[in-house]
Amino acid sequence: MAAMNIVYHYQGKLYVNLTNRCTNRCKFCIRYTPSGVDGIDLWLEREPRADEVKKALEENDFTKYPEIVICGYGEPLMRFETAMEVCRYIKDNSTAKIRINTNGHASRVAGFDVTPKMEGLVDTVSISLNAKNAAEYNEICVCQFGEDGFYEMLDFAKKAAKYVPEVVLSVVDVLPEEDIEQCRRIAEDCGVKFRVREYSE
C-alpha cells in the first residue's frame, strides 16, 4: 500500500494534508479534476493522527520552511483540534509562519466559536469567499449548510480577525469584474484583506 501524502511540497512551501472531508462540494474544486495538485496524490486512505503528522513534518525537515500551510484535499478545520495541535508543535519547534486555507465553517462544524483557540498559533487564515451573495455561494459551493454556509463563513472571518494577525477572503479570477468588486467590498465590511487567486485547472 502506498504511503499517504500527509505532508507535501508545492511551490516552495510545505503543506499539511489532514482530511479529505469537506462541508462543501465546490464545482471548481481541484479534487474533481484528474491532475490533482502538481501530480501529487492527496487522497488519504484514512485521516492521520497528530503524532503521524508530526513525524511526517520531521521527515520533511519542516524547520527550514518560512511558511507551512494547513490545507490538503479537504477542509482542514473539520479536524480543528488536531489542526491546532499540529500548529502548536510547529510553533514550538520552528520559526515558520502558519497559514490555514479554509472555507470558514469550522465553528459551525464544532458547534461553538473556535476562533479564540487560534490565537498565537495561526498567522494567516485564508478563507474562500467564492461568491458575492448566499444564493450564488451555495450554487457554486453546494454547501451542506445551504445558504447559511455563506453567512457562517463571513461570521467566522470577522471573529477570526480578532485573534489571527492576517485574515483574507479570496475569490478565483474567473468571476466577472463586477462580482470581484462586490466581493472586495464584502471583505472590507468584514474588516479583513481581500485576494483574487488564480484558478487552477
N, C-alpha and C. Protein backbone atom coordinates (compact mmCIF):
# COMPACT_ATOMS: atom_id res chain seq x y z
N MET A 1 0.84 -1.20 0.00
CA MET A 1 0.00 0.00 0.00
C MET A 1 0.88 1.25 0.00
N ALA A 2 0.61 2.17 -0.90
CA ALA A 2 1.41 3.38 -1.00
C ALA A 2 1.26 4.24 0.25
N ALA A 3 2.35 4.93 0.58
CA ALA A 3 2.32 5.82 1.75
C ALA A 3 1.42 7.01 1.46
N MET A 4 0.73 7.49 2.47
CA MET A 4 -0.13 8.67 2.32
C MET A 4 0.73 9.93 2.26
N ASN A 5 0.31 10.88 1.47
CA ASN A 5 0.99 12.17 1.41
C ASN A 5 0.38 13.09 2.46
N ILE A 6 0.81 12.90 3.71
CA ILE A 6 0.33 13.72 4.82
C ILE A 6 0.93 15.11 4.73
N VAL A 7 2.19 15.16 4.33
CA VAL A 7 2.91 16.42 4.15
C VAL A 7 3.46 16.42 2.72
N TYR A 8 3.32 17.54 2.03
CA TYR A 8 3.81 17.60 0.65
C TYR A 8 4.35 18.99 0.33
N HIS A 9 5.21 19.02 -0.68
CA HIS A 9 5.84 20.26 -1.11
C HIS A 9 5.12 20.78 -2.34
N TYR A 10 4.86 22.09 -2.36
CA TYR A 10 4.19 22.69 -3.52
C TYR A 10 4.58 24.16 -3.60
N GLN A 11 5.14 24.54 -4.73
CA GLN A 11 5.53 25.93 -4.99
C GLN A 11 6.37 26.53 -3.86
N GLY A 12 7.33 25.75 -3.41
CA GLY A 12 8.29 26.23 -2.41
C GLY A 12 7.80 26.25 -0.98
N LYS A 13 6.58 25.78 -0.76
CA LYS A 13 6.04 25.74 0.61
C LYS A 13 5.76 24.30 1.02
N LEU A 14 5.61 24.11 2.30
CA LEU A 14 5.28 22.80 2.85
C LEU A 14 3.81 22.82 3.27
N TYR A 15 3.08 21.82 2.82
CA TYR A 15 1.65 21.73 3.08
C TYR A 15 1.34 20.51 3.94
N VAL A 16 0.32 20.65 4.78
CA VAL A 16 -0.13 19.56 5.64
C VAL A 16 -1.54 19.15 5.22
N ASN A 17 -1.73 17.86 5.00
CA ASN A 17 -2.97 17.29 4.49
C ASN A 17 -3.65 16.49 5.60
N LEU A 18 -4.70 17.03 6.21
CA LEU A 18 -5.32 16.41 7.38
C LEU A 18 -6.55 15.56 7.08
N THR A 19 -7.28 15.91 6.02
CA THR A 19 -8.55 15.22 5.78
C THR A 19 -9.00 15.38 4.33
N ASN A 20 -9.82 14.46 3.87
CA ASN A 20 -10.48 14.60 2.57
C ASN A 20 -11.91 15.07 2.74
N ARG A 21 -12.38 15.18 3.98
CA ARG A 21 -13.77 15.61 4.23
C ARG A 21 -13.91 17.12 4.03
N CYS A 22 -15.11 17.52 3.61
CA CYS A 22 -15.38 18.94 3.44
C CYS A 22 -16.87 19.19 3.56
N THR A 23 -17.23 20.39 4.02
CA THR A 23 -18.64 20.77 4.12
C THR A 23 -19.18 21.29 2.79
N ASN A 24 -18.28 21.52 1.84
CA ASN A 24 -18.67 21.98 0.51
C ASN A 24 -18.32 20.94 -0.54
N ARG A 25 -18.97 21.07 -1.68
CA ARG A 25 -18.59 20.29 -2.85
C ARG A 25 -18.49 21.26 -4.04
N CYS A 26 -17.50 22.12 -3.96
CA CYS A 26 -17.36 23.21 -4.92
C CYS A 26 -17.20 22.68 -6.35
N LYS A 27 -17.92 23.30 -7.25
CA LYS A 27 -17.93 22.84 -8.64
C LYS A 27 -16.57 23.01 -9.32
N PHE A 28 -15.76 23.95 -8.81
CA PHE A 28 -14.45 24.19 -9.42
C PHE A 28 -13.32 23.49 -8.67
N CYS A 29 -13.64 22.70 -7.64
CA CYS A 29 -12.61 22.13 -6.78
C CYS A 29 -11.65 21.22 -7.56
N ILE A 30 -10.38 21.38 -7.28
CA ILE A 30 -9.34 20.60 -7.95
C ILE A 30 -9.45 19.10 -7.62
N ARG A 31 -10.17 18.78 -6.55
CA ARG A 31 -10.35 17.37 -6.19
C ARG A 31 -11.09 16.60 -7.29
N TYR A 32 -11.86 17.32 -8.09
CA TYR A 32 -12.67 16.65 -9.11
C TYR A 32 -12.06 16.76 -10.50
N THR A 33 -10.77 17.06 -10.54
CA THR A 33 -10.04 17.07 -11.81
C THR A 33 -9.03 15.93 -11.79
N PRO A 34 -8.63 15.42 -12.95
CA PRO A 34 -7.73 14.27 -12.97
C PRO A 34 -6.29 14.59 -12.59
N SER A 35 -5.90 15.87 -12.66
CA SER A 35 -4.49 16.21 -12.46
C SER A 35 -4.06 16.28 -11.01
N GLY A 36 -5.00 16.51 -10.09
CA GLY A 36 -4.63 16.66 -8.69
C GLY A 36 -3.82 17.92 -8.48
N VAL A 37 -2.93 17.89 -7.48
CA VAL A 37 -2.07 19.03 -7.18
C VAL A 37 -0.66 18.71 -7.64
N ASP A 38 -0.28 19.26 -8.79
CA ASP A 38 1.07 19.08 -9.32
C ASP A 38 1.45 17.59 -9.41
N GLY A 39 0.46 16.77 -9.73
CA GLY A 39 0.71 15.34 -9.87
C GLY A 39 0.81 14.58 -8.56
N ILE A 40 0.54 15.24 -7.45
CA ILE A 40 0.64 14.60 -6.12
C ILE A 40 -0.72 14.02 -5.74
N ASP A 41 -0.73 12.76 -5.37
CA ASP A 41 -1.97 12.11 -4.93
C ASP A 41 -2.24 12.46 -3.48
N LEU A 42 -3.29 13.23 -3.23
CA LEU A 42 -3.57 13.69 -1.87
C LEU A 42 -4.76 12.98 -1.22
N TRP A 43 -5.34 12.00 -1.90
CA TRP A 43 -6.42 11.25 -1.28
C TRP A 43 -5.86 10.41 -0.14
N LEU A 44 -6.45 10.55 1.02
CA LEU A 44 -5.99 9.82 2.21
C LEU A 44 -6.78 8.53 2.37
N GLU A 45 -6.10 7.45 2.67
CA GLU A 45 -6.80 6.19 2.94
C GLU A 45 -7.49 6.24 4.29
N ARG A 46 -6.97 7.11 5.17
CA ARG A 46 -7.59 7.39 6.46
C ARG A 46 -7.01 8.71 6.96
N GLU A 47 -7.64 9.31 7.95
CA GLU A 47 -7.14 10.57 8.49
C GLU A 47 -5.96 10.32 9.43
N PRO A 48 -4.85 10.99 9.23
CA PRO A 48 -3.68 10.76 10.07
C PRO A 48 -3.84 11.29 11.49
N ARG A 49 -3.27 10.56 12.43
CA ARG A 49 -3.24 11.04 13.82
C ARG A 49 -2.26 12.19 13.93
N ALA A 50 -2.39 12.95 14.99
CA ALA A 50 -1.49 14.10 15.19
C ALA A 50 -0.03 13.66 15.25
N ASP A 51 0.26 12.53 15.91
CA ASP A 51 1.64 12.08 16.01
C ASP A 51 2.19 11.67 14.63
N GLU A 52 1.33 11.17 13.75
CA GLU A 52 1.76 10.83 12.40
C GLU A 52 2.07 12.09 11.60
N VAL A 53 1.29 13.13 11.82
CA VAL A 53 1.55 14.40 11.14
C VAL A 53 2.88 14.98 11.61
N LYS A 54 3.12 14.94 12.91
CA LYS A 54 4.38 15.45 13.46
C LYS A 54 5.57 14.69 12.90
N LYS A 55 5.45 13.38 12.80
CA LYS A 55 6.54 12.56 12.25
C LYS A 55 6.78 12.92 10.78
N ALA A 56 5.70 13.11 10.02
CA ALA A 56 5.83 13.48 8.61
C ALA A 56 6.49 14.85 8.46
N LEU A 57 6.17 15.77 9.36
CA LEU A 57 6.82 17.08 9.34
C LEU A 57 8.32 16.95 9.58
N GLU A 58 8.67 16.13 10.56
CA GLU A 58 10.09 15.91 10.87
C GLU A 58 10.82 15.29 9.68
N GLU A 59 10.18 14.33 9.04
CA GLU A 59 10.81 13.66 7.89
C GLU A 59 10.99 14.60 6.71
N ASN A 60 10.22 15.68 6.68
CA ASN A 60 10.32 16.66 5.61
C ASN A 60 11.09 17.91 6.03
N ASP A 61 11.83 17.80 7.14
CA ASP A 61 12.68 18.89 7.60
C ASP A 61 11.93 20.22 7.65
N PHE A 62 10.80 20.21 8.36
CA PHE A 62 9.89 21.36 8.36
C PHE A 62 10.50 22.64 8.90
N THR A 63 11.55 22.54 9.71
CA THR A 63 12.11 23.73 10.34
C THR A 63 12.79 24.66 9.35
N LYS A 64 13.05 24.19 8.14
CA LYS A 64 13.73 25.04 7.15
C LYS A 64 12.76 25.90 6.35
N TYR A 65 11.45 25.70 6.54
CA TYR A 65 10.45 26.42 5.75
C TYR A 65 9.99 27.69 6.47
N PRO A 66 9.93 28.82 5.75
CA PRO A 66 9.45 30.05 6.38
C PRO A 66 7.94 30.05 6.60
N GLU A 67 7.21 29.25 5.80
CA GLU A 67 5.76 29.17 5.95
C GLU A 67 5.30 27.74 5.74
N ILE A 68 4.37 27.30 6.59
CA ILE A 68 3.75 25.98 6.46
C ILE A 68 2.25 26.19 6.34
N VAL A 69 1.63 25.50 5.39
CA VAL A 69 0.22 25.69 5.09
C VAL A 69 -0.57 24.45 5.49
N ILE A 70 -1.60 24.66 6.29
CA ILE A 70 -2.52 23.58 6.65
C ILE A 70 -3.63 23.61 5.60
N CYS A 71 -3.67 22.58 4.77
CA CYS A 71 -4.57 22.61 3.63
C CYS A 71 -4.98 21.19 3.25
N GLY A 72 -4.55 20.74 2.08
CA GLY A 72 -4.83 19.37 1.67
C GLY A 72 -5.98 19.24 0.71
N TYR A 73 -6.62 18.07 0.73
CA TYR A 73 -7.68 17.75 -0.22
C TYR A 73 -9.05 17.81 0.41
N GLY A 74 -9.16 18.51 1.52
CA GLY A 74 -10.43 18.67 2.20
C GLY A 74 -10.42 19.95 3.01
N GLU A 75 -11.38 20.09 3.89
CA GLU A 75 -11.45 21.26 4.78
C GLU A 75 -10.68 20.92 6.05
N PRO A 76 -9.47 21.49 6.23
CA PRO A 76 -8.62 21.09 7.36
C PRO A 76 -9.23 21.31 8.73
N LEU A 77 -10.10 22.32 8.85
CA LEU A 77 -10.66 22.61 10.17
C LEU A 77 -11.87 21.75 10.50
N MET A 78 -12.18 20.76 9.63
CA MET A 78 -13.08 19.69 10.04
C MET A 78 -12.45 18.95 11.22
N ARG A 79 -11.12 19.02 11.28
CA ARG A 79 -10.35 18.40 12.37
C ARG A 79 -9.67 19.52 13.16
N PHE A 80 -10.46 20.39 13.72
CA PHE A 80 -9.94 21.61 14.33
C PHE A 80 -8.92 21.33 15.43
N GLU A 81 -9.25 20.45 16.37
CA GLU A 81 -8.35 20.20 17.50
C GLU A 81 -7.03 19.61 17.03
N THR A 82 -7.07 18.70 16.07
CA THR A 82 -5.84 18.13 15.52
C THR A 82 -5.04 19.20 14.81
N ALA A 83 -5.71 20.05 14.06
CA ALA A 83 -5.02 21.14 13.37
C ALA A 83 -4.30 22.05 14.35
N MET A 84 -4.96 22.38 15.45
CA MET A 84 -4.34 23.26 16.44
C MET A 84 -3.18 22.56 17.16
N GLU A 85 -3.28 21.27 17.38
CA GLU A 85 -2.17 20.53 17.99
C GLU A 85 -0.96 20.55 17.06
N VAL A 86 -1.19 20.38 15.78
CA VAL A 86 -0.11 20.43 14.80
C VAL A 86 0.49 21.84 14.74
N CYS A 87 -0.36 22.86 14.75
CA CYS A 87 0.13 24.24 14.75
C CYS A 87 1.00 24.52 15.96
N ARG A 88 0.58 24.04 17.11
CA ARG A 88 1.36 24.27 18.33
C ARG A 88 2.73 23.59 18.24
N TYR A 89 2.74 22.38 17.68
CA TYR A 89 4.00 21.66 17.50
C TYR A 89 4.94 22.43 16.58
N ILE A 90 4.40 22.95 15.48
CA ILE A 90 5.21 23.72 14.54
C ILE A 90 5.76 24.98 15.23
N LYS A 91 4.90 25.68 15.97
CA LYS A 91 5.32 26.90 16.66
C LYS A 91 6.38 26.62 17.72
N ASP A 92 6.24 25.49 18.42
CA ASP A 92 7.18 25.15 19.49
C ASP A 92 8.54 24.72 18.96
N ASN A 93 8.60 24.34 17.68
CA ASN A 93 9.83 23.74 17.17
C ASN A 93 10.40 24.43 15.93
N SER A 94 9.84 25.56 15.55
CA SER A 94 10.37 26.28 14.38
C SER A 94 9.96 27.74 14.44
N THR A 95 10.44 28.50 13.48
CA THR A 95 10.06 29.91 13.36
C THR A 95 9.08 30.11 12.20
N ALA A 96 8.57 29.02 11.66
CA ALA A 96 7.68 29.10 10.49
C ALA A 96 6.38 29.84 10.81
N LYS A 97 5.93 30.61 9.83
CA LYS A 97 4.59 31.18 9.89
C LYS A 97 3.61 30.08 9.47
N ILE A 98 2.41 30.13 10.01
CA ILE A 98 1.40 29.12 9.70
C ILE A 98 0.20 29.77 9.04
N ARG A 99 -0.16 29.22 7.88
CA ARG A 99 -1.36 29.66 7.18
C ARG A 99 -2.34 28.50 7.10
N ILE A 100 -3.61 28.80 7.31
CA ILE A 100 -4.65 27.79 7.15
C ILE A 100 -5.56 28.22 6.00
N ASN A 101 -5.72 27.34 5.02
CA ASN A 101 -6.68 27.56 3.94
C ASN A 101 -7.98 26.88 4.32
N THR A 102 -9.06 27.63 4.39
CA THR A 102 -10.30 27.09 4.93
C THR A 102 -11.52 27.65 4.22
N ASN A 103 -12.66 26.99 4.40
CA ASN A 103 -13.92 27.53 3.87
C ASN A 103 -14.69 28.31 4.93
N GLY A 104 -14.16 28.37 6.14
CA GLY A 104 -14.76 29.20 7.18
C GLY A 104 -15.94 28.59 7.92
N HIS A 105 -16.09 27.28 7.85
CA HIS A 105 -17.22 26.62 8.51
C HIS A 105 -16.84 25.92 9.82
N ALA A 106 -15.63 26.15 10.30
CA ALA A 106 -15.14 25.41 11.47
C ALA A 106 -16.02 25.57 12.70
N SER A 107 -16.48 26.76 12.97
CA SER A 107 -17.30 26.98 14.16
C SER A 107 -18.65 26.28 14.03
N ARG A 108 -19.22 26.29 12.85
CA ARG A 108 -20.49 25.59 12.62
C ARG A 108 -20.31 24.09 12.82
N VAL A 109 -19.22 23.55 12.33
CA VAL A 109 -18.94 22.12 12.48
C VAL A 109 -18.73 21.76 13.95
N ALA A 110 -17.98 22.60 14.66
CA ALA A 110 -17.66 22.33 16.06
C ALA A 110 -18.85 22.58 17.00
N GLY A 111 -19.74 23.48 16.60
CA GLY A 111 -20.87 23.83 17.45
C GLY A 111 -20.58 24.96 18.42
N PHE A 112 -19.42 25.60 18.26
CA PHE A 112 -19.08 26.76 19.10
C PHE A 112 -18.03 27.59 18.36
N ASP A 113 -17.80 28.81 18.82
CA ASP A 113 -16.83 29.71 18.19
C ASP A 113 -15.41 29.21 18.48
N VAL A 114 -14.75 28.70 17.46
CA VAL A 114 -13.41 28.15 17.66
C VAL A 114 -12.31 29.20 17.51
N THR A 115 -12.64 30.39 17.02
CA THR A 115 -11.60 31.34 16.64
C THR A 115 -10.66 31.75 17.78
N PRO A 116 -11.12 31.87 19.05
CA PRO A 116 -10.16 32.23 20.10
C PRO A 116 -9.03 31.22 20.25
N LYS A 117 -9.28 29.97 19.91
CA LYS A 117 -8.27 28.92 20.06
C LYS A 117 -7.13 29.05 19.04
N MET A 118 -7.31 29.90 18.03
CA MET A 118 -6.27 30.08 17.03
C MET A 118 -5.23 31.12 17.44
N GLU A 119 -5.55 31.88 18.47
CA GLU A 119 -4.65 32.96 18.90
C GLU A 119 -3.28 32.44 19.27
N GLY A 120 -2.25 33.04 18.69
CA GLY A 120 -0.88 32.65 18.98
C GLY A 120 -0.39 31.43 18.22
N LEU A 121 -1.29 30.75 17.53
CA LEU A 121 -0.92 29.54 16.80
C LEU A 121 -0.97 29.72 15.29
N VAL A 122 -1.86 30.58 14.82
CA VAL A 122 -2.08 30.75 13.38
C VAL A 122 -1.75 32.19 12.99
N ASP A 123 -0.97 32.33 11.92
CA ASP A 123 -0.56 33.66 11.47
C ASP A 123 -1.48 34.22 10.39
N THR A 124 -1.97 33.34 9.53
CA THR A 124 -2.84 33.76 8.45
C THR A 124 -3.97 32.75 8.26
N VAL A 125 -5.18 33.26 8.09
CA VAL A 125 -6.31 32.42 7.71
C VAL A 125 -6.80 32.91 6.36
N SER A 126 -6.75 32.03 5.37
CA SER A 126 -7.23 32.36 4.03
C SER A 126 -8.55 31.64 3.80
N ILE A 127 -9.61 32.40 3.60
CA ILE A 127 -10.97 31.86 3.51
C ILE A 127 -11.52 32.04 2.10
N SER A 128 -12.05 30.97 1.55
CA SER A 128 -12.61 31.02 0.19
C SER A 128 -13.99 31.66 0.22
N LEU A 129 -14.09 32.88 -0.29
CA LEU A 129 -15.36 33.59 -0.36
C LEU A 129 -16.19 33.09 -1.55
N ASN A 130 -15.58 33.12 -2.71
CA ASN A 130 -16.12 32.47 -3.93
C ASN A 130 -17.34 33.10 -4.59
N ALA A 131 -18.12 33.89 -3.89
CA ALA A 131 -19.33 34.47 -4.50
C ALA A 131 -19.75 35.72 -3.74
N LYS A 132 -20.58 36.53 -4.41
CA LYS A 132 -20.95 37.83 -3.83
C LYS A 132 -22.20 37.78 -2.96
N ASN A 133 -22.91 36.63 -2.96
CA ASN A 133 -24.09 36.51 -2.11
C ASN A 133 -24.35 35.04 -1.78
N ALA A 134 -25.27 34.82 -0.85
CA ALA A 134 -25.51 33.47 -0.33
C ALA A 134 -26.04 32.51 -1.39
N ALA A 135 -26.93 32.99 -2.23
CA ALA A 135 -27.52 32.12 -3.25
C ALA A 135 -26.46 31.64 -4.24
N GLU A 136 -25.63 32.56 -4.70
CA GLU A 136 -24.58 32.18 -5.65
C GLU A 136 -23.52 31.32 -4.98
N TYR A 137 -23.24 31.61 -3.73
CA TYR A 137 -22.28 30.80 -2.98
C TYR A 137 -22.74 29.34 -2.92
N ASN A 138 -23.99 29.14 -2.58
CA ASN A 138 -24.49 27.77 -2.47
C ASN A 138 -24.58 27.10 -3.83
N GLU A 139 -24.87 27.87 -4.86
CA GLU A 139 -24.91 27.31 -6.22
C GLU A 139 -23.53 26.81 -6.64
N ILE A 140 -22.49 27.57 -6.30
CA ILE A 140 -21.12 27.23 -6.68
C ILE A 140 -20.53 26.16 -5.75
N CYS A 141 -20.76 26.33 -4.44
CA CYS A 141 -20.08 25.51 -3.44
C CYS A 141 -20.88 24.29 -3.00
N VAL A 142 -22.17 24.25 -3.31
CA VAL A 142 -23.02 23.12 -2.93
C VAL A 142 -22.76 22.76 -1.46
N CYS A 143 -23.05 23.72 -0.59
CA CYS A 143 -22.72 23.62 0.83
C CYS A 143 -23.72 22.75 1.58
N GLN A 144 -23.22 21.93 2.50
CA GLN A 144 -24.13 21.08 3.27
C GLN A 144 -25.01 21.91 4.22
N PHE A 145 -24.64 23.16 4.45
CA PHE A 145 -25.44 24.06 5.27
C PHE A 145 -26.34 24.95 4.43
N GLY A 146 -26.36 24.73 3.13
CA GLY A 146 -27.16 25.57 2.25
C GLY A 146 -26.64 27.00 2.24
N GLU A 147 -27.52 27.94 2.07
CA GLU A 147 -27.12 29.35 2.02
C GLU A 147 -26.57 29.84 3.35
N ASP A 148 -26.92 29.16 4.44
CA ASP A 148 -26.37 29.55 5.75
C ASP A 148 -24.85 29.49 5.75
N GLY A 149 -24.28 28.61 4.91
CA GLY A 149 -22.83 28.47 4.86
C GLY A 149 -22.13 29.77 4.53
N PHE A 150 -22.76 30.59 3.69
CA PHE A 150 -22.19 31.89 3.32
C PHE A 150 -22.08 32.80 4.54
N TYR A 151 -23.14 32.86 5.31
CA TYR A 151 -23.15 33.74 6.48
C TYR A 151 -22.26 33.20 7.60
N GLU A 152 -22.20 31.88 7.73
CA GLU A 152 -21.29 31.26 8.70
C GLU A 152 -19.85 31.64 8.37
N MET A 153 -19.51 31.61 7.09
CA MET A 153 -18.16 31.92 6.65
C MET A 153 -17.79 33.37 6.94
N LEU A 154 -18.72 34.29 6.69
CA LEU A 154 -18.44 35.71 6.96
C LEU A 154 -18.31 35.97 8.45
N ASP A 155 -19.14 35.32 9.25
CA ASP A 155 -19.06 35.47 10.70
C ASP A 155 -17.72 34.94 11.22
N PHE A 156 -17.29 33.82 10.65
CA PHE A 156 -16.00 33.24 11.03
C PHE A 156 -14.87 34.21 10.70
N ALA A 157 -14.93 34.83 9.52
CA ALA A 157 -13.89 35.78 9.12
C ALA A 157 -13.80 36.95 10.09
N LYS A 158 -14.94 37.52 10.43
CA LYS A 158 -14.96 38.66 11.36
C LYS A 158 -14.39 38.28 12.72
N LYS A 159 -14.78 37.13 13.22
CA LYS A 159 -14.33 36.71 14.55
C LYS A 159 -12.86 36.31 14.54
N ALA A 160 -12.43 35.64 13.46
CA ALA A 160 -11.03 35.23 13.37
C ALA A 160 -10.09 36.43 13.37
N ALA A 161 -10.55 37.55 12.81
CA ALA A 161 -9.72 38.75 12.73
C ALA A 161 -9.36 39.31 14.11
N LYS A 162 -10.09 38.91 15.13
CA LYS A 162 -9.78 39.35 16.49
C LYS A 162 -8.57 38.60 17.07
N TYR A 163 -8.27 37.43 16.52
CA TYR A 163 -7.27 36.55 17.12
C TYR A 163 -6.12 36.18 16.20
N VAL A 164 -6.28 36.38 14.90
CA VAL A 164 -5.28 35.99 13.92
C VAL A 164 -4.76 37.25 13.23
N PRO A 165 -3.42 37.42 13.13
CA PRO A 165 -2.87 38.66 12.56
C PRO A 165 -3.36 39.00 11.16
N GLU A 166 -3.54 37.99 10.31
CA GLU A 166 -3.97 38.26 8.94
C GLU A 166 -5.10 37.32 8.55
N VAL A 167 -6.24 37.88 8.18
CA VAL A 167 -7.38 37.11 7.68
C VAL A 167 -7.68 37.63 6.27
N VAL A 168 -7.82 36.70 5.34
CA VAL A 168 -8.00 37.05 3.94
C VAL A 168 -9.23 36.34 3.39
N LEU A 169 -10.11 37.07 2.74
CA LEU A 169 -11.19 36.47 1.96
C LEU A 169 -10.74 36.47 0.51
N SER A 170 -10.90 35.33 -0.17
CA SER A 170 -10.39 35.24 -1.53
C SER A 170 -11.45 34.75 -2.51
N VAL A 171 -11.26 35.10 -3.77
CA VAL A 171 -12.09 34.61 -4.87
C VAL A 171 -11.18 34.18 -6.01
N VAL A 172 -11.71 33.36 -6.92
CA VAL A 172 -10.92 32.98 -8.09
C VAL A 172 -11.14 34.00 -9.20
N ASP A 173 -10.14 34.11 -10.08
CA ASP A 173 -10.15 35.18 -11.08
C ASP A 173 -11.10 34.94 -12.25
N VAL A 174 -11.87 33.87 -12.20
CA VAL A 174 -12.82 33.61 -13.29
C VAL A 174 -14.13 34.38 -13.10
N LEU A 175 -14.33 34.98 -11.93
CA LEU A 175 -15.54 35.75 -11.69
C LEU A 175 -15.55 37.03 -12.53
N PRO A 176 -16.73 37.52 -12.91
CA PRO A 176 -16.81 38.81 -13.60
C PRO A 176 -16.24 39.92 -12.73
N GLU A 177 -15.68 40.94 -13.36
CA GLU A 177 -15.03 42.02 -12.62
C GLU A 177 -15.98 42.68 -11.63
N GLU A 178 -17.26 42.84 -12.02
CA GLU A 178 -18.20 43.49 -11.10
C GLU A 178 -18.47 42.62 -9.87
N ASP A 179 -18.45 41.31 -10.04
CA ASP A 179 -18.61 40.40 -8.90
C ASP A 179 -17.40 40.47 -7.98
N ILE A 180 -16.22 40.54 -8.58
CA ILE A 180 -14.99 40.65 -7.80
C ILE A 180 -15.01 41.91 -6.95
N GLU A 181 -15.49 43.00 -7.52
CA GLU A 181 -15.54 44.26 -6.77
C GLU A 181 -16.55 44.17 -5.63
N GLN A 182 -17.66 43.51 -5.85
CA GLN A 182 -18.63 43.32 -4.76
C GLN A 182 -18.03 42.46 -3.65
N CYS A 183 -17.27 41.46 -4.04
CA CYS A 183 -16.61 40.61 -3.05
C CYS A 183 -15.54 41.40 -2.27
N ARG A 184 -14.87 42.31 -2.96
CA ARG A 184 -13.88 43.16 -2.31
C ARG A 184 -14.56 44.01 -1.22
N ARG A 185 -15.73 44.51 -1.53
CA ARG A 185 -16.46 45.33 -0.55
C ARG A 185 -16.92 44.48 0.64
N ILE A 186 -17.28 43.24 0.38
CA ILE A 186 -17.65 42.32 1.48
C ILE A 186 -16.48 42.15 2.42
N ALA A 187 -15.29 41.94 1.87
CA ALA A 187 -14.09 41.78 2.69
C ALA A 187 -13.83 43.04 3.52
N GLU A 188 -13.99 44.19 2.89
CA GLU A 188 -13.79 45.47 3.60
C GLU A 188 -14.79 45.60 4.74
N ASP A 189 -16.04 45.21 4.50
CA ASP A 189 -17.07 45.28 5.54
C ASP A 189 -16.76 44.34 6.70
N CYS A 190 -16.09 43.24 6.40
CA CYS A 190 -15.72 42.28 7.45
C CYS A 190 -14.45 42.70 8.18
N GLY A 191 -13.78 43.71 7.65
CA GLY A 191 -12.54 44.19 8.27
C GLY A 191 -11.35 43.28 8.02
N VAL A 192 -11.36 42.59 6.87
CA VAL A 192 -10.26 41.67 6.54
C VAL A 192 -9.71 42.00 5.16
N LYS A 193 -8.61 41.36 4.79
CA LYS A 193 -7.98 41.58 3.50
C LYS A 193 -8.74 40.83 2.40
N PHE A 194 -8.39 41.17 1.15
CA PHE A 194 -9.04 40.54 0.00
C PHE A 194 -7.98 40.14 -1.00
N ARG A 195 -8.17 38.96 -1.61
CA ARG A 195 -7.22 38.49 -2.61
C ARG A 195 -7.96 37.81 -3.75
N VAL A 196 -7.53 38.09 -4.96
CA VAL A 196 -8.03 37.38 -6.15
C VAL A 196 -6.98 36.33 -6.51
N ARG A 197 -7.34 35.07 -6.43
CA ARG A 197 -6.40 34.00 -6.69
C ARG A 197 -6.61 33.41 -8.08
N GLU A 198 -5.54 32.89 -8.64
CA GLU A 198 -5.58 32.32 -9.98
C GLU A 198 -6.29 30.97 -9.95
N TYR A 199 -7.19 30.78 -10.89
CA TYR A 199 -7.89 29.50 -11.00
C TYR A 199 -6.94 28.44 -11.54
N SER A 200 -6.92 27.28 -10.88
CA SER A 200 -6.07 26.16 -11.32
C SER A 200 -6.94 25.07 -11.90
N GLU A 201 -6.63 24.65 -13.10
CA GLU A 201 -7.36 23.56 -13.74
C GLU A 201 -7.06 22.25 -13.04
